[in-house]
C-alpha cells in the first residue's frame, strides 16, 4: 500500500508562506510518503444567511491553495513525491484549462500527477466561477471524456451539452493519460466512479471506507471491469489521533486498499507546520510498525 499525506492548508498560521510548503514537502519525501494530497476550493464563503444552507465544512476563514500551482512549486522541491488532488471540484472549472494545467504539472513533474475529481457542494463557489451548480453531475461525466480526448489527440472537435471545441487542442499534451480517480459519498458517486474512474478516493473512517469500497466493487463487477487494476484510496479524515489514523489505514489496506493518505487537520494541533509534520511522522511510524 502506498502511504501519502495531505497538506494541512486550512490550519497553517502563515498560509501562502513558501517556507512552510518547502518544509512540509521535504519532510514528506524524507519520511517516505509516496504522495502529497491537496484539496480544492477557489472561493470561500460565510455560511450565515444562505438559502439553501451551505452544507460543507469550510468558510471564508479557511485558506486553500490552487492545487496546480501548489504542485508545480512542490515538484521543483522534490524528486519522487507524487501529487494528488483530493478532490478537484471539476465542474466549476473550465475543462480545457484544467486539461492544460494538469498536462503542464504532469510534464514538469515527470509524470507525478494524479487527479482526484468530484462535484463539490458549494453553490456560491459555482456561481462565482460562472458555472451551473444544478447540472454539475451531468457536466462532470462529460468532462471526464473531454479531458481524456484533449490529453490524447492534438486536434479535437467536440459538441457537447456543456463544452464545445472546433478543431483545436492543448499543446503540450501529457505523455500519458493522467490517472483520473473519482470521489464522493453516495451511491450515484460509487456507480460513476466504477464506470468512469481509474480509481476512487474515499474520505471516511476505516469501516466506512471498507463498506464504500464494497459498493464500488459491486458496480465494477456489474460493468465487467476488473478490480485488479482499479485504485482505491482512503483519506483518513475522521481519525481523531495518530493511532486511529494508522488503524483506519491498515484496516483499509487489509480489505484491498491500494493507497492511504494521512490527514493532520482538525486534530487540535498548533498552527505551526512543524506540529503537523510531527503528527504525520508519528502516524507513518505506527503504520510501518503494523
Protein backbone atom coordinates (compact mmCIF):
# COMPACT_ATOMS: atom_id res chain seq x y z
CA UNK A 1 0.00 0.00 0.00
CA UNK A 2 1.23 3.49 -0.90
CA UNK A 3 1.01 5.93 2.01
CA UNK A 4 0.64 9.64 1.34
CA UNK A 5 -0.01 12.80 3.30
CA UNK A 6 -2.43 15.71 2.96
CA UNK A 7 -1.07 19.26 3.03
CA UNK A 8 -2.74 20.97 6.05
CA UNK A 9 -3.51 24.22 4.28
CA UNK A 10 -6.55 25.25 6.34
CA UNK A 11 -4.63 25.21 9.63
CA UNK A 12 -1.29 26.85 8.83
CA UNK A 13 -0.80 30.22 10.53
CA UNK A 14 1.14 31.63 7.58
CA UNK A 15 -0.92 30.35 4.64
CA UNK A 16 0.94 31.25 1.49
CA UNK A 17 4.36 31.02 3.14
CA UNK A 18 6.70 29.22 0.70
CA UNK A 19 8.94 28.18 3.58
CA UNK A 20 6.11 26.17 5.16
CA UNK A 21 5.43 24.39 1.87
CA UNK A 22 9.15 23.71 1.44
CA UNK A 23 9.47 22.25 4.95
CA UNK A 24 6.42 20.04 4.51
CA UNK A 25 7.38 18.73 1.07
CA UNK A 26 10.95 17.99 2.12
CA UNK A 27 9.75 16.24 5.28
CA UNK A 28 7.11 14.21 3.42
CA UNK A 29 9.71 12.87 1.00
CA UNK A 30 12.28 12.22 3.73
CA UNK A 31 9.70 10.33 5.82
CA UNK A 32 8.97 8.01 2.92
CA UNK A 33 5.49 9.20 1.99
CA UNK A 34 4.76 8.40 -1.64
CA UNK A 35 2.40 11.28 -2.40
CA UNK A 36 1.03 14.60 -1.20
CA UNK A 37 -2.66 15.42 -1.48
CA UNK A 38 -4.18 18.89 -1.77
CA UNK A 39 -7.81 19.96 -1.50
CA UNK A 40 -9.54 22.38 -3.89
CA UNK A 41 -11.72 25.38 -3.10
CA UNK A 42 -11.33 28.54 -5.16
CA UNK A 43 -13.93 30.73 -3.43
CA UNK A 44 -14.56 30.60 0.32
CA UNK A 45 -17.87 31.88 1.69
CA UNK A 46 -19.53 32.51 5.06
CA UNK A 47 -22.48 30.19 5.71
CA UNK A 48 -24.73 32.59 7.60
CA UNK A 49 -27.91 33.80 5.92
CA UNK A 50 -27.77 31.37 2.99
CA UNK A 51 -30.88 29.80 1.47
CA UNK A 52 -30.48 26.97 0.78
CA UNK A 53 -27.95 26.39 3.55
CA UNK A 54 -24.36 25.54 2.70
CA UNK A 55 -23.69 22.02 3.95
CA UNK A 56 -19.92 21.69 3.67
CA UNK A 57 -17.35 22.25 6.40
CA UNK A 58 -15.39 25.25 5.10
CA UNK A 59 -16.00 29.01 5.36
CA UNK A 60 -14.24 32.23 4.36
CA UNK A 61 -11.89 31.66 7.30
CA UNK A 62 -10.34 28.57 5.68
CA UNK A 63 -7.41 29.00 3.28
CA UNK A 64 -6.74 26.85 0.21
CA UNK A 65 -4.00 26.97 -2.39
CA UNK A 66 -4.78 26.26 -6.01
CA UNK A 67 -3.60 22.65 -6.27
CA UNK A 68 -1.95 23.01 -9.68
CA UNK A 69 0.11 26.00 -8.54
CA UNK A 70 0.99 24.27 -5.27
CA UNK A 71 2.05 21.11 -7.09
CA UNK A 72 4.18 22.99 -9.60
CA UNK A 73 6.08 24.58 -6.70
CA UNK A 74 6.31 21.31 -4.76
CA UNK A 75 7.51 19.36 -7.80
CA UNK A 76 10.58 21.58 -8.02
CA UNK A 77 11.36 20.82 -4.37
CA UNK A 78 11.15 17.04 -4.63
CA UNK A 79 12.37 14.10 -6.67
CA UNK A 80 9.88 11.25 -6.17
CA UNK A 81 6.89 12.65 -4.32
CA UNK A 82 3.67 12.27 -6.30
CA UNK A 83 0.80 14.79 -6.23
CA UNK A 84 -2.93 14.13 -5.88
CA UNK A 85 -5.94 16.43 -5.92
CA UNK A 86 -8.31 15.24 -3.24
CA UNK A 87 -10.57 16.26 -4.80
CA UNK A 88 -10.61 18.82 -7.62
CA UNK A 89 -14.11 20.30 -7.98
CA UNK A 90 -14.07 19.69 -11.70
CA UNK A 91 -17.48 21.01 -12.90
CA UNK A 92 -16.82 24.51 -11.56
CA UNK A 93 -13.66 24.77 -13.69
CA UNK A 94 -13.14 25.22 -17.43
CA UNK A 95 -12.40 21.79 -18.86
CA UNK A 96 -9.82 22.79 -21.47
CA UNK A 97 -7.96 24.92 -18.92
CA UNK A 98 -7.86 22.01 -16.47
CA UNK A 99 -6.53 19.80 -19.27
CA UNK A 100 -3.64 22.18 -19.96
CA UNK A 101 -2.86 22.87 -16.29
CA UNK A 102 -2.80 19.18 -15.49
CA UNK A 103 -0.70 18.41 -18.56
CA UNK A 104 1.87 21.03 -17.56
CA UNK A 105 2.15 19.77 -13.98
CA UNK A 106 2.45 16.18 -15.16
CA UNK A 107 5.13 17.03 -17.73
CA UNK A 108 7.16 19.30 -15.46
CA UNK A 109 6.99 16.86 -12.54
CA UNK A 110 7.97 13.93 -14.78
CA UNK A 111 4.58 12.21 -14.56
CA UNK A 112 3.93 12.57 -10.84
CA UNK A 113 0.34 13.87 -11.01
CA UNK A 114 -2.87 12.02 -10.22
CA UNK A 115 -6.20 13.82 -10.38
CA UNK A 116 -8.94 13.02 -7.90
CA UNK A 117 -12.13 14.74 -9.00
CA UNK A 118 -15.59 15.31 -7.58
CA UNK A 119 -18.64 17.54 -7.97
CA UNK A 120 -18.45 19.61 -4.77
CA UNK A 121 -21.11 21.13 -2.51
CA UNK A 122 -20.71 24.91 -2.59
CA UNK A 123 -23.20 26.60 -4.93
CA UNK A 124 -21.77 30.03 -4.06
CA UNK A 125 -18.42 28.91 -5.43
CA UNK A 126 -20.03 27.63 -8.64
CA UNK A 127 -21.85 30.91 -9.17
CA UNK A 128 -18.67 32.93 -8.62
CA UNK A 129 -16.90 30.82 -11.25
CA UNK A 130 -19.73 31.14 -13.77
CA UNK A 131 -20.94 27.53 -13.71
CA UNK A 132 -24.30 25.89 -13.05
CA UNK A 133 -24.45 24.08 -9.71
CA UNK A 134 -27.62 22.15 -10.58
CA UNK A 135 -26.16 20.41 -13.64
CA UNK A 136 -22.75 19.65 -12.11
CA UNK A 137 -23.11 15.84 -12.09
CA UNK A 138 -24.05 15.68 -15.76
CA UNK A 139 -21.28 18.11 -16.71
CA UNK A 140 -18.79 16.11 -14.67
CA UNK A 141 -19.40 12.98 -16.74
CA UNK A 142 -18.95 14.89 -19.99
CA UNK A 143 -15.76 16.49 -18.69
CA UNK A 144 -14.10 13.15 -17.91
CA UNK A 145 -14.44 12.08 -21.54
CA UNK A 146 -13.39 15.52 -22.82
CA UNK A 147 -10.24 15.64 -20.67
CA UNK A 148 -9.08 12.28 -21.96
CA UNK A 149 -9.66 13.38 -25.53
CA UNK A 150 -7.66 16.57 -25.01
CA UNK A 151 -4.78 14.62 -23.44
CA UNK A 152 -4.74 12.13 -26.31
CA UNK A 153 -5.37 13.98 -29.56
CA UNK A 154 -3.65 17.09 -30.97
CA UNK A 155 -6.85 18.36 -32.58
CA UNK A 156 -10.30 17.70 -31.14
CA UNK A 157 -13.78 18.53 -32.37
CA UNK A 158 -16.47 18.16 -29.74
CA UNK A 159 -20.00 19.50 -29.40
CA UNK A 160 -21.31 18.53 -26.00
CA UNK A 161 -24.06 19.84 -23.79
CA UNK A 162 -21.62 21.88 -21.72
CA UNK A 163 -18.38 22.16 -23.70
CA UNK A 164 -17.57 22.82 -27.32
CA UNK A 165 -14.31 22.81 -29.25
CA UNK A 166 -13.89 23.24 -33.01
CA UNK A 167 -10.72 21.60 -34.37
CA UNK A 168 -8.38 22.66 -31.57
CA UNK A 169 -6.39 21.16 -28.73
CA UNK A 170 -3.84 21.71 -25.99
CA UNK A 171 -0.09 21.78 -26.58
CA UNK A 172 1.99 20.42 -24.98
CA UNK A 173 -0.03 17.32 -24.19
CA UNK A 174 0.98 14.88 -21.45
CA UNK A 175 2.99 11.83 -22.46
CA UNK A 176 0.33 9.57 -20.95
CA UNK A 177 -3.27 9.50 -19.83
CA UNK A 178 -3.11 11.24 -16.45
CA UNK A 179 -4.85 8.98 -13.90
CA UNK A 180 -8.35 10.20 -13.08
CA UNK A 181 -9.76 8.99 -9.79
CA UNK A 182 -13.22 9.98 -8.61
CA UNK A 183 -14.62 10.75 -5.18
CA UNK A 184 -17.95 11.13 -3.41
CA UNK A 185 -20.18 9.73 -0.69
CA UNK A 186 -23.32 8.49 -2.46
CA UNK A 187 -24.47 5.51 -4.48
CA UNK A 188 -24.53 7.57 -7.72
CA UNK A 189 -20.93 8.62 -6.99
CA UNK A 190 -19.86 5.00 -6.45
CA UNK A 191 -21.50 3.91 -9.71
CA UNK A 192 -20.00 6.85 -11.59
CA UNK A 193 -16.58 6.12 -10.14
CA UNK A 194 -16.76 2.48 -11.19
CA UNK A 195 -17.90 3.42 -14.68
CA UNK A 196 -15.60 6.35 -15.43
CA UNK A 197 -12.70 6.39 -12.98
CA UNK A 198 -9.26 4.81 -12.83
CA UNK A 199 -9.73 4.64 -9.06
CA UNK A 200 -11.71 6.08 -6.15
CA UNK A 201 -10.81 8.27 -3.16
CA UNK A 202 -12.81 7.56 -0.01
CA UNK A 203 -12.91 10.26 2.69
CA UNK A 204 -14.13 8.15 5.60
CA UNK A 205 -13.25 6.13 8.63
CA UNK A 206 -11.76 2.70 8.15
CA UNK A 207 -15.02 0.77 8.43
CA UNK A 208 -16.87 3.28 6.27
CA UNK A 209 -14.21 3.11 3.56
CA UNK A 210 -14.32 -0.68 3.50
CA UNK A 211 -18.10 -0.58 3.13
CA UNK A 212 -17.93 2.08 0.40
CA UNK A 213 -15.25 0.13 -1.47
CA UNK A 214 -17.66 -2.82 -1.43
CA UNK A 215 -20.22 -0.68 -3.24
CA UNK A 216 -17.71 0.46 -5.88
CA UNK A 217 -16.55 -3.14 -6.28
CA UNK A 218 -20.17 -4.20 -6.82
CA UNK A 219 -20.54 -1.67 -9.63
CA UNK A 220 -17.22 -2.67 -11.18
CA UNK A 221 -18.41 -6.29 -11.35
CA UNK A 222 -21.75 -5.23 -12.86
CA UNK A 223 -19.87 -3.29 -15.54
CA UNK A 224 -17.48 -6.15 -16.25
CA UNK A 225 -14.46 -4.14 -15.11
CA UNK A 226 -11.54 -5.92 -13.47
CA UNK A 227 -10.92 -4.55 -9.98
CA UNK A 228 -7.27 -5.64 -10.08
CA UNK A 229 -6.16 -2.53 -11.94
CA UNK A 230 -8.55 -0.16 -10.18
CA UNK A 231 -7.09 2.09 -7.47
CA UNK A 232 -8.71 2.69 -4.10
CA UNK A 233 -7.52 5.23 -1.58
CA UNK A 234 -8.58 6.08 1.96
CA UNK A 235 -8.19 9.69 3.10
CA UNK A 236 -8.21 9.14 6.87
CA UNK A 237 -10.10 12.34 7.52
CA UNK A 238 -12.09 11.31 10.60
CA UNK A 239 -9.33 9.75 12.68
CA UNK A 240 -9.01 11.56 16.00
CA UNK A 241 -5.37 10.72 16.74
CA UNK A 242 -2.32 9.00 15.21
CA UNK A 243 -3.28 5.54 16.44
CA UNK A 244 -6.78 5.72 14.98
CA UNK A 245 -5.40 7.04 11.68
CA UNK A 246 -2.93 4.15 11.48
CA UNK A 247 -5.64 1.64 12.40
CA UNK A 248 -8.05 3.01 9.76
CA UNK A 249 -5.44 2.87 7.03
CA UNK A 250 -4.30 -0.64 7.97
CA UNK A 251 -7.92 -1.81 8.03
CA UNK A 252 -8.47 -0.44 4.57
CA UNK A 253 -5.19 -1.99 3.37
CA UNK A 254 -6.29 -5.40 4.65
CA UNK A 255 -9.56 -5.02 2.72
CA UNK A 256 -7.67 -4.46 -0.53
CA UNK A 257 -6.89 -0.76 -0.40
CA UNK A 258 -4.03 0.34 -2.63
CA UNK A 259 -3.40 3.83 -1.18
CA UNK A 260 -3.85 5.61 2.13
CA UNK A 261 -3.45 9.30 2.98
CA UNK A 262 -2.73 10.73 6.42
CA UNK A 263 -4.50 13.98 7.31
CA UNK A 264 -3.45 16.23 10.21
CA UNK A 265 -6.20 18.87 10.12
CA UNK A 266 -8.97 19.07 12.75
CA UNK A 267 -6.80 17.34 15.33
CA UNK A 268 -6.33 20.32 17.64
CA UNK A 269 -2.71 20.82 16.60
CA UNK A 270 -0.79 24.11 16.85
CA UNK A 271 -0.82 26.16 13.66
CA UNK A 272 2.91 25.80 13.02
CA UNK A 273 3.88 23.48 10.17
CA UNK A 274 6.31 21.60 12.43
CA UNK A 275 3.43 20.30 14.57
CA UNK A 276 1.74 18.84 11.50
CA UNK A 277 4.96 17.26 10.30
CA UNK A 278 5.44 15.66 13.72
CA UNK A 279 1.87 14.33 13.66
CA UNK A 280 2.08 12.70 10.23
CA UNK A 281 5.51 11.28 11.06
CA UNK A 282 4.01 9.54 14.09
CA UNK A 283 1.20 8.06 12.01
CA UNK A 284 3.71 6.82 9.44
CA UNK A 285 5.78 5.10 12.15
CA UNK A 286 2.65 3.38 13.51
CA UNK A 287 1.60 2.19 10.05
CA UNK A 288 5.08 0.89 9.29
CA UNK A 289 5.23 -0.90 12.64
CA UNK A 290 1.99 -2.76 11.88
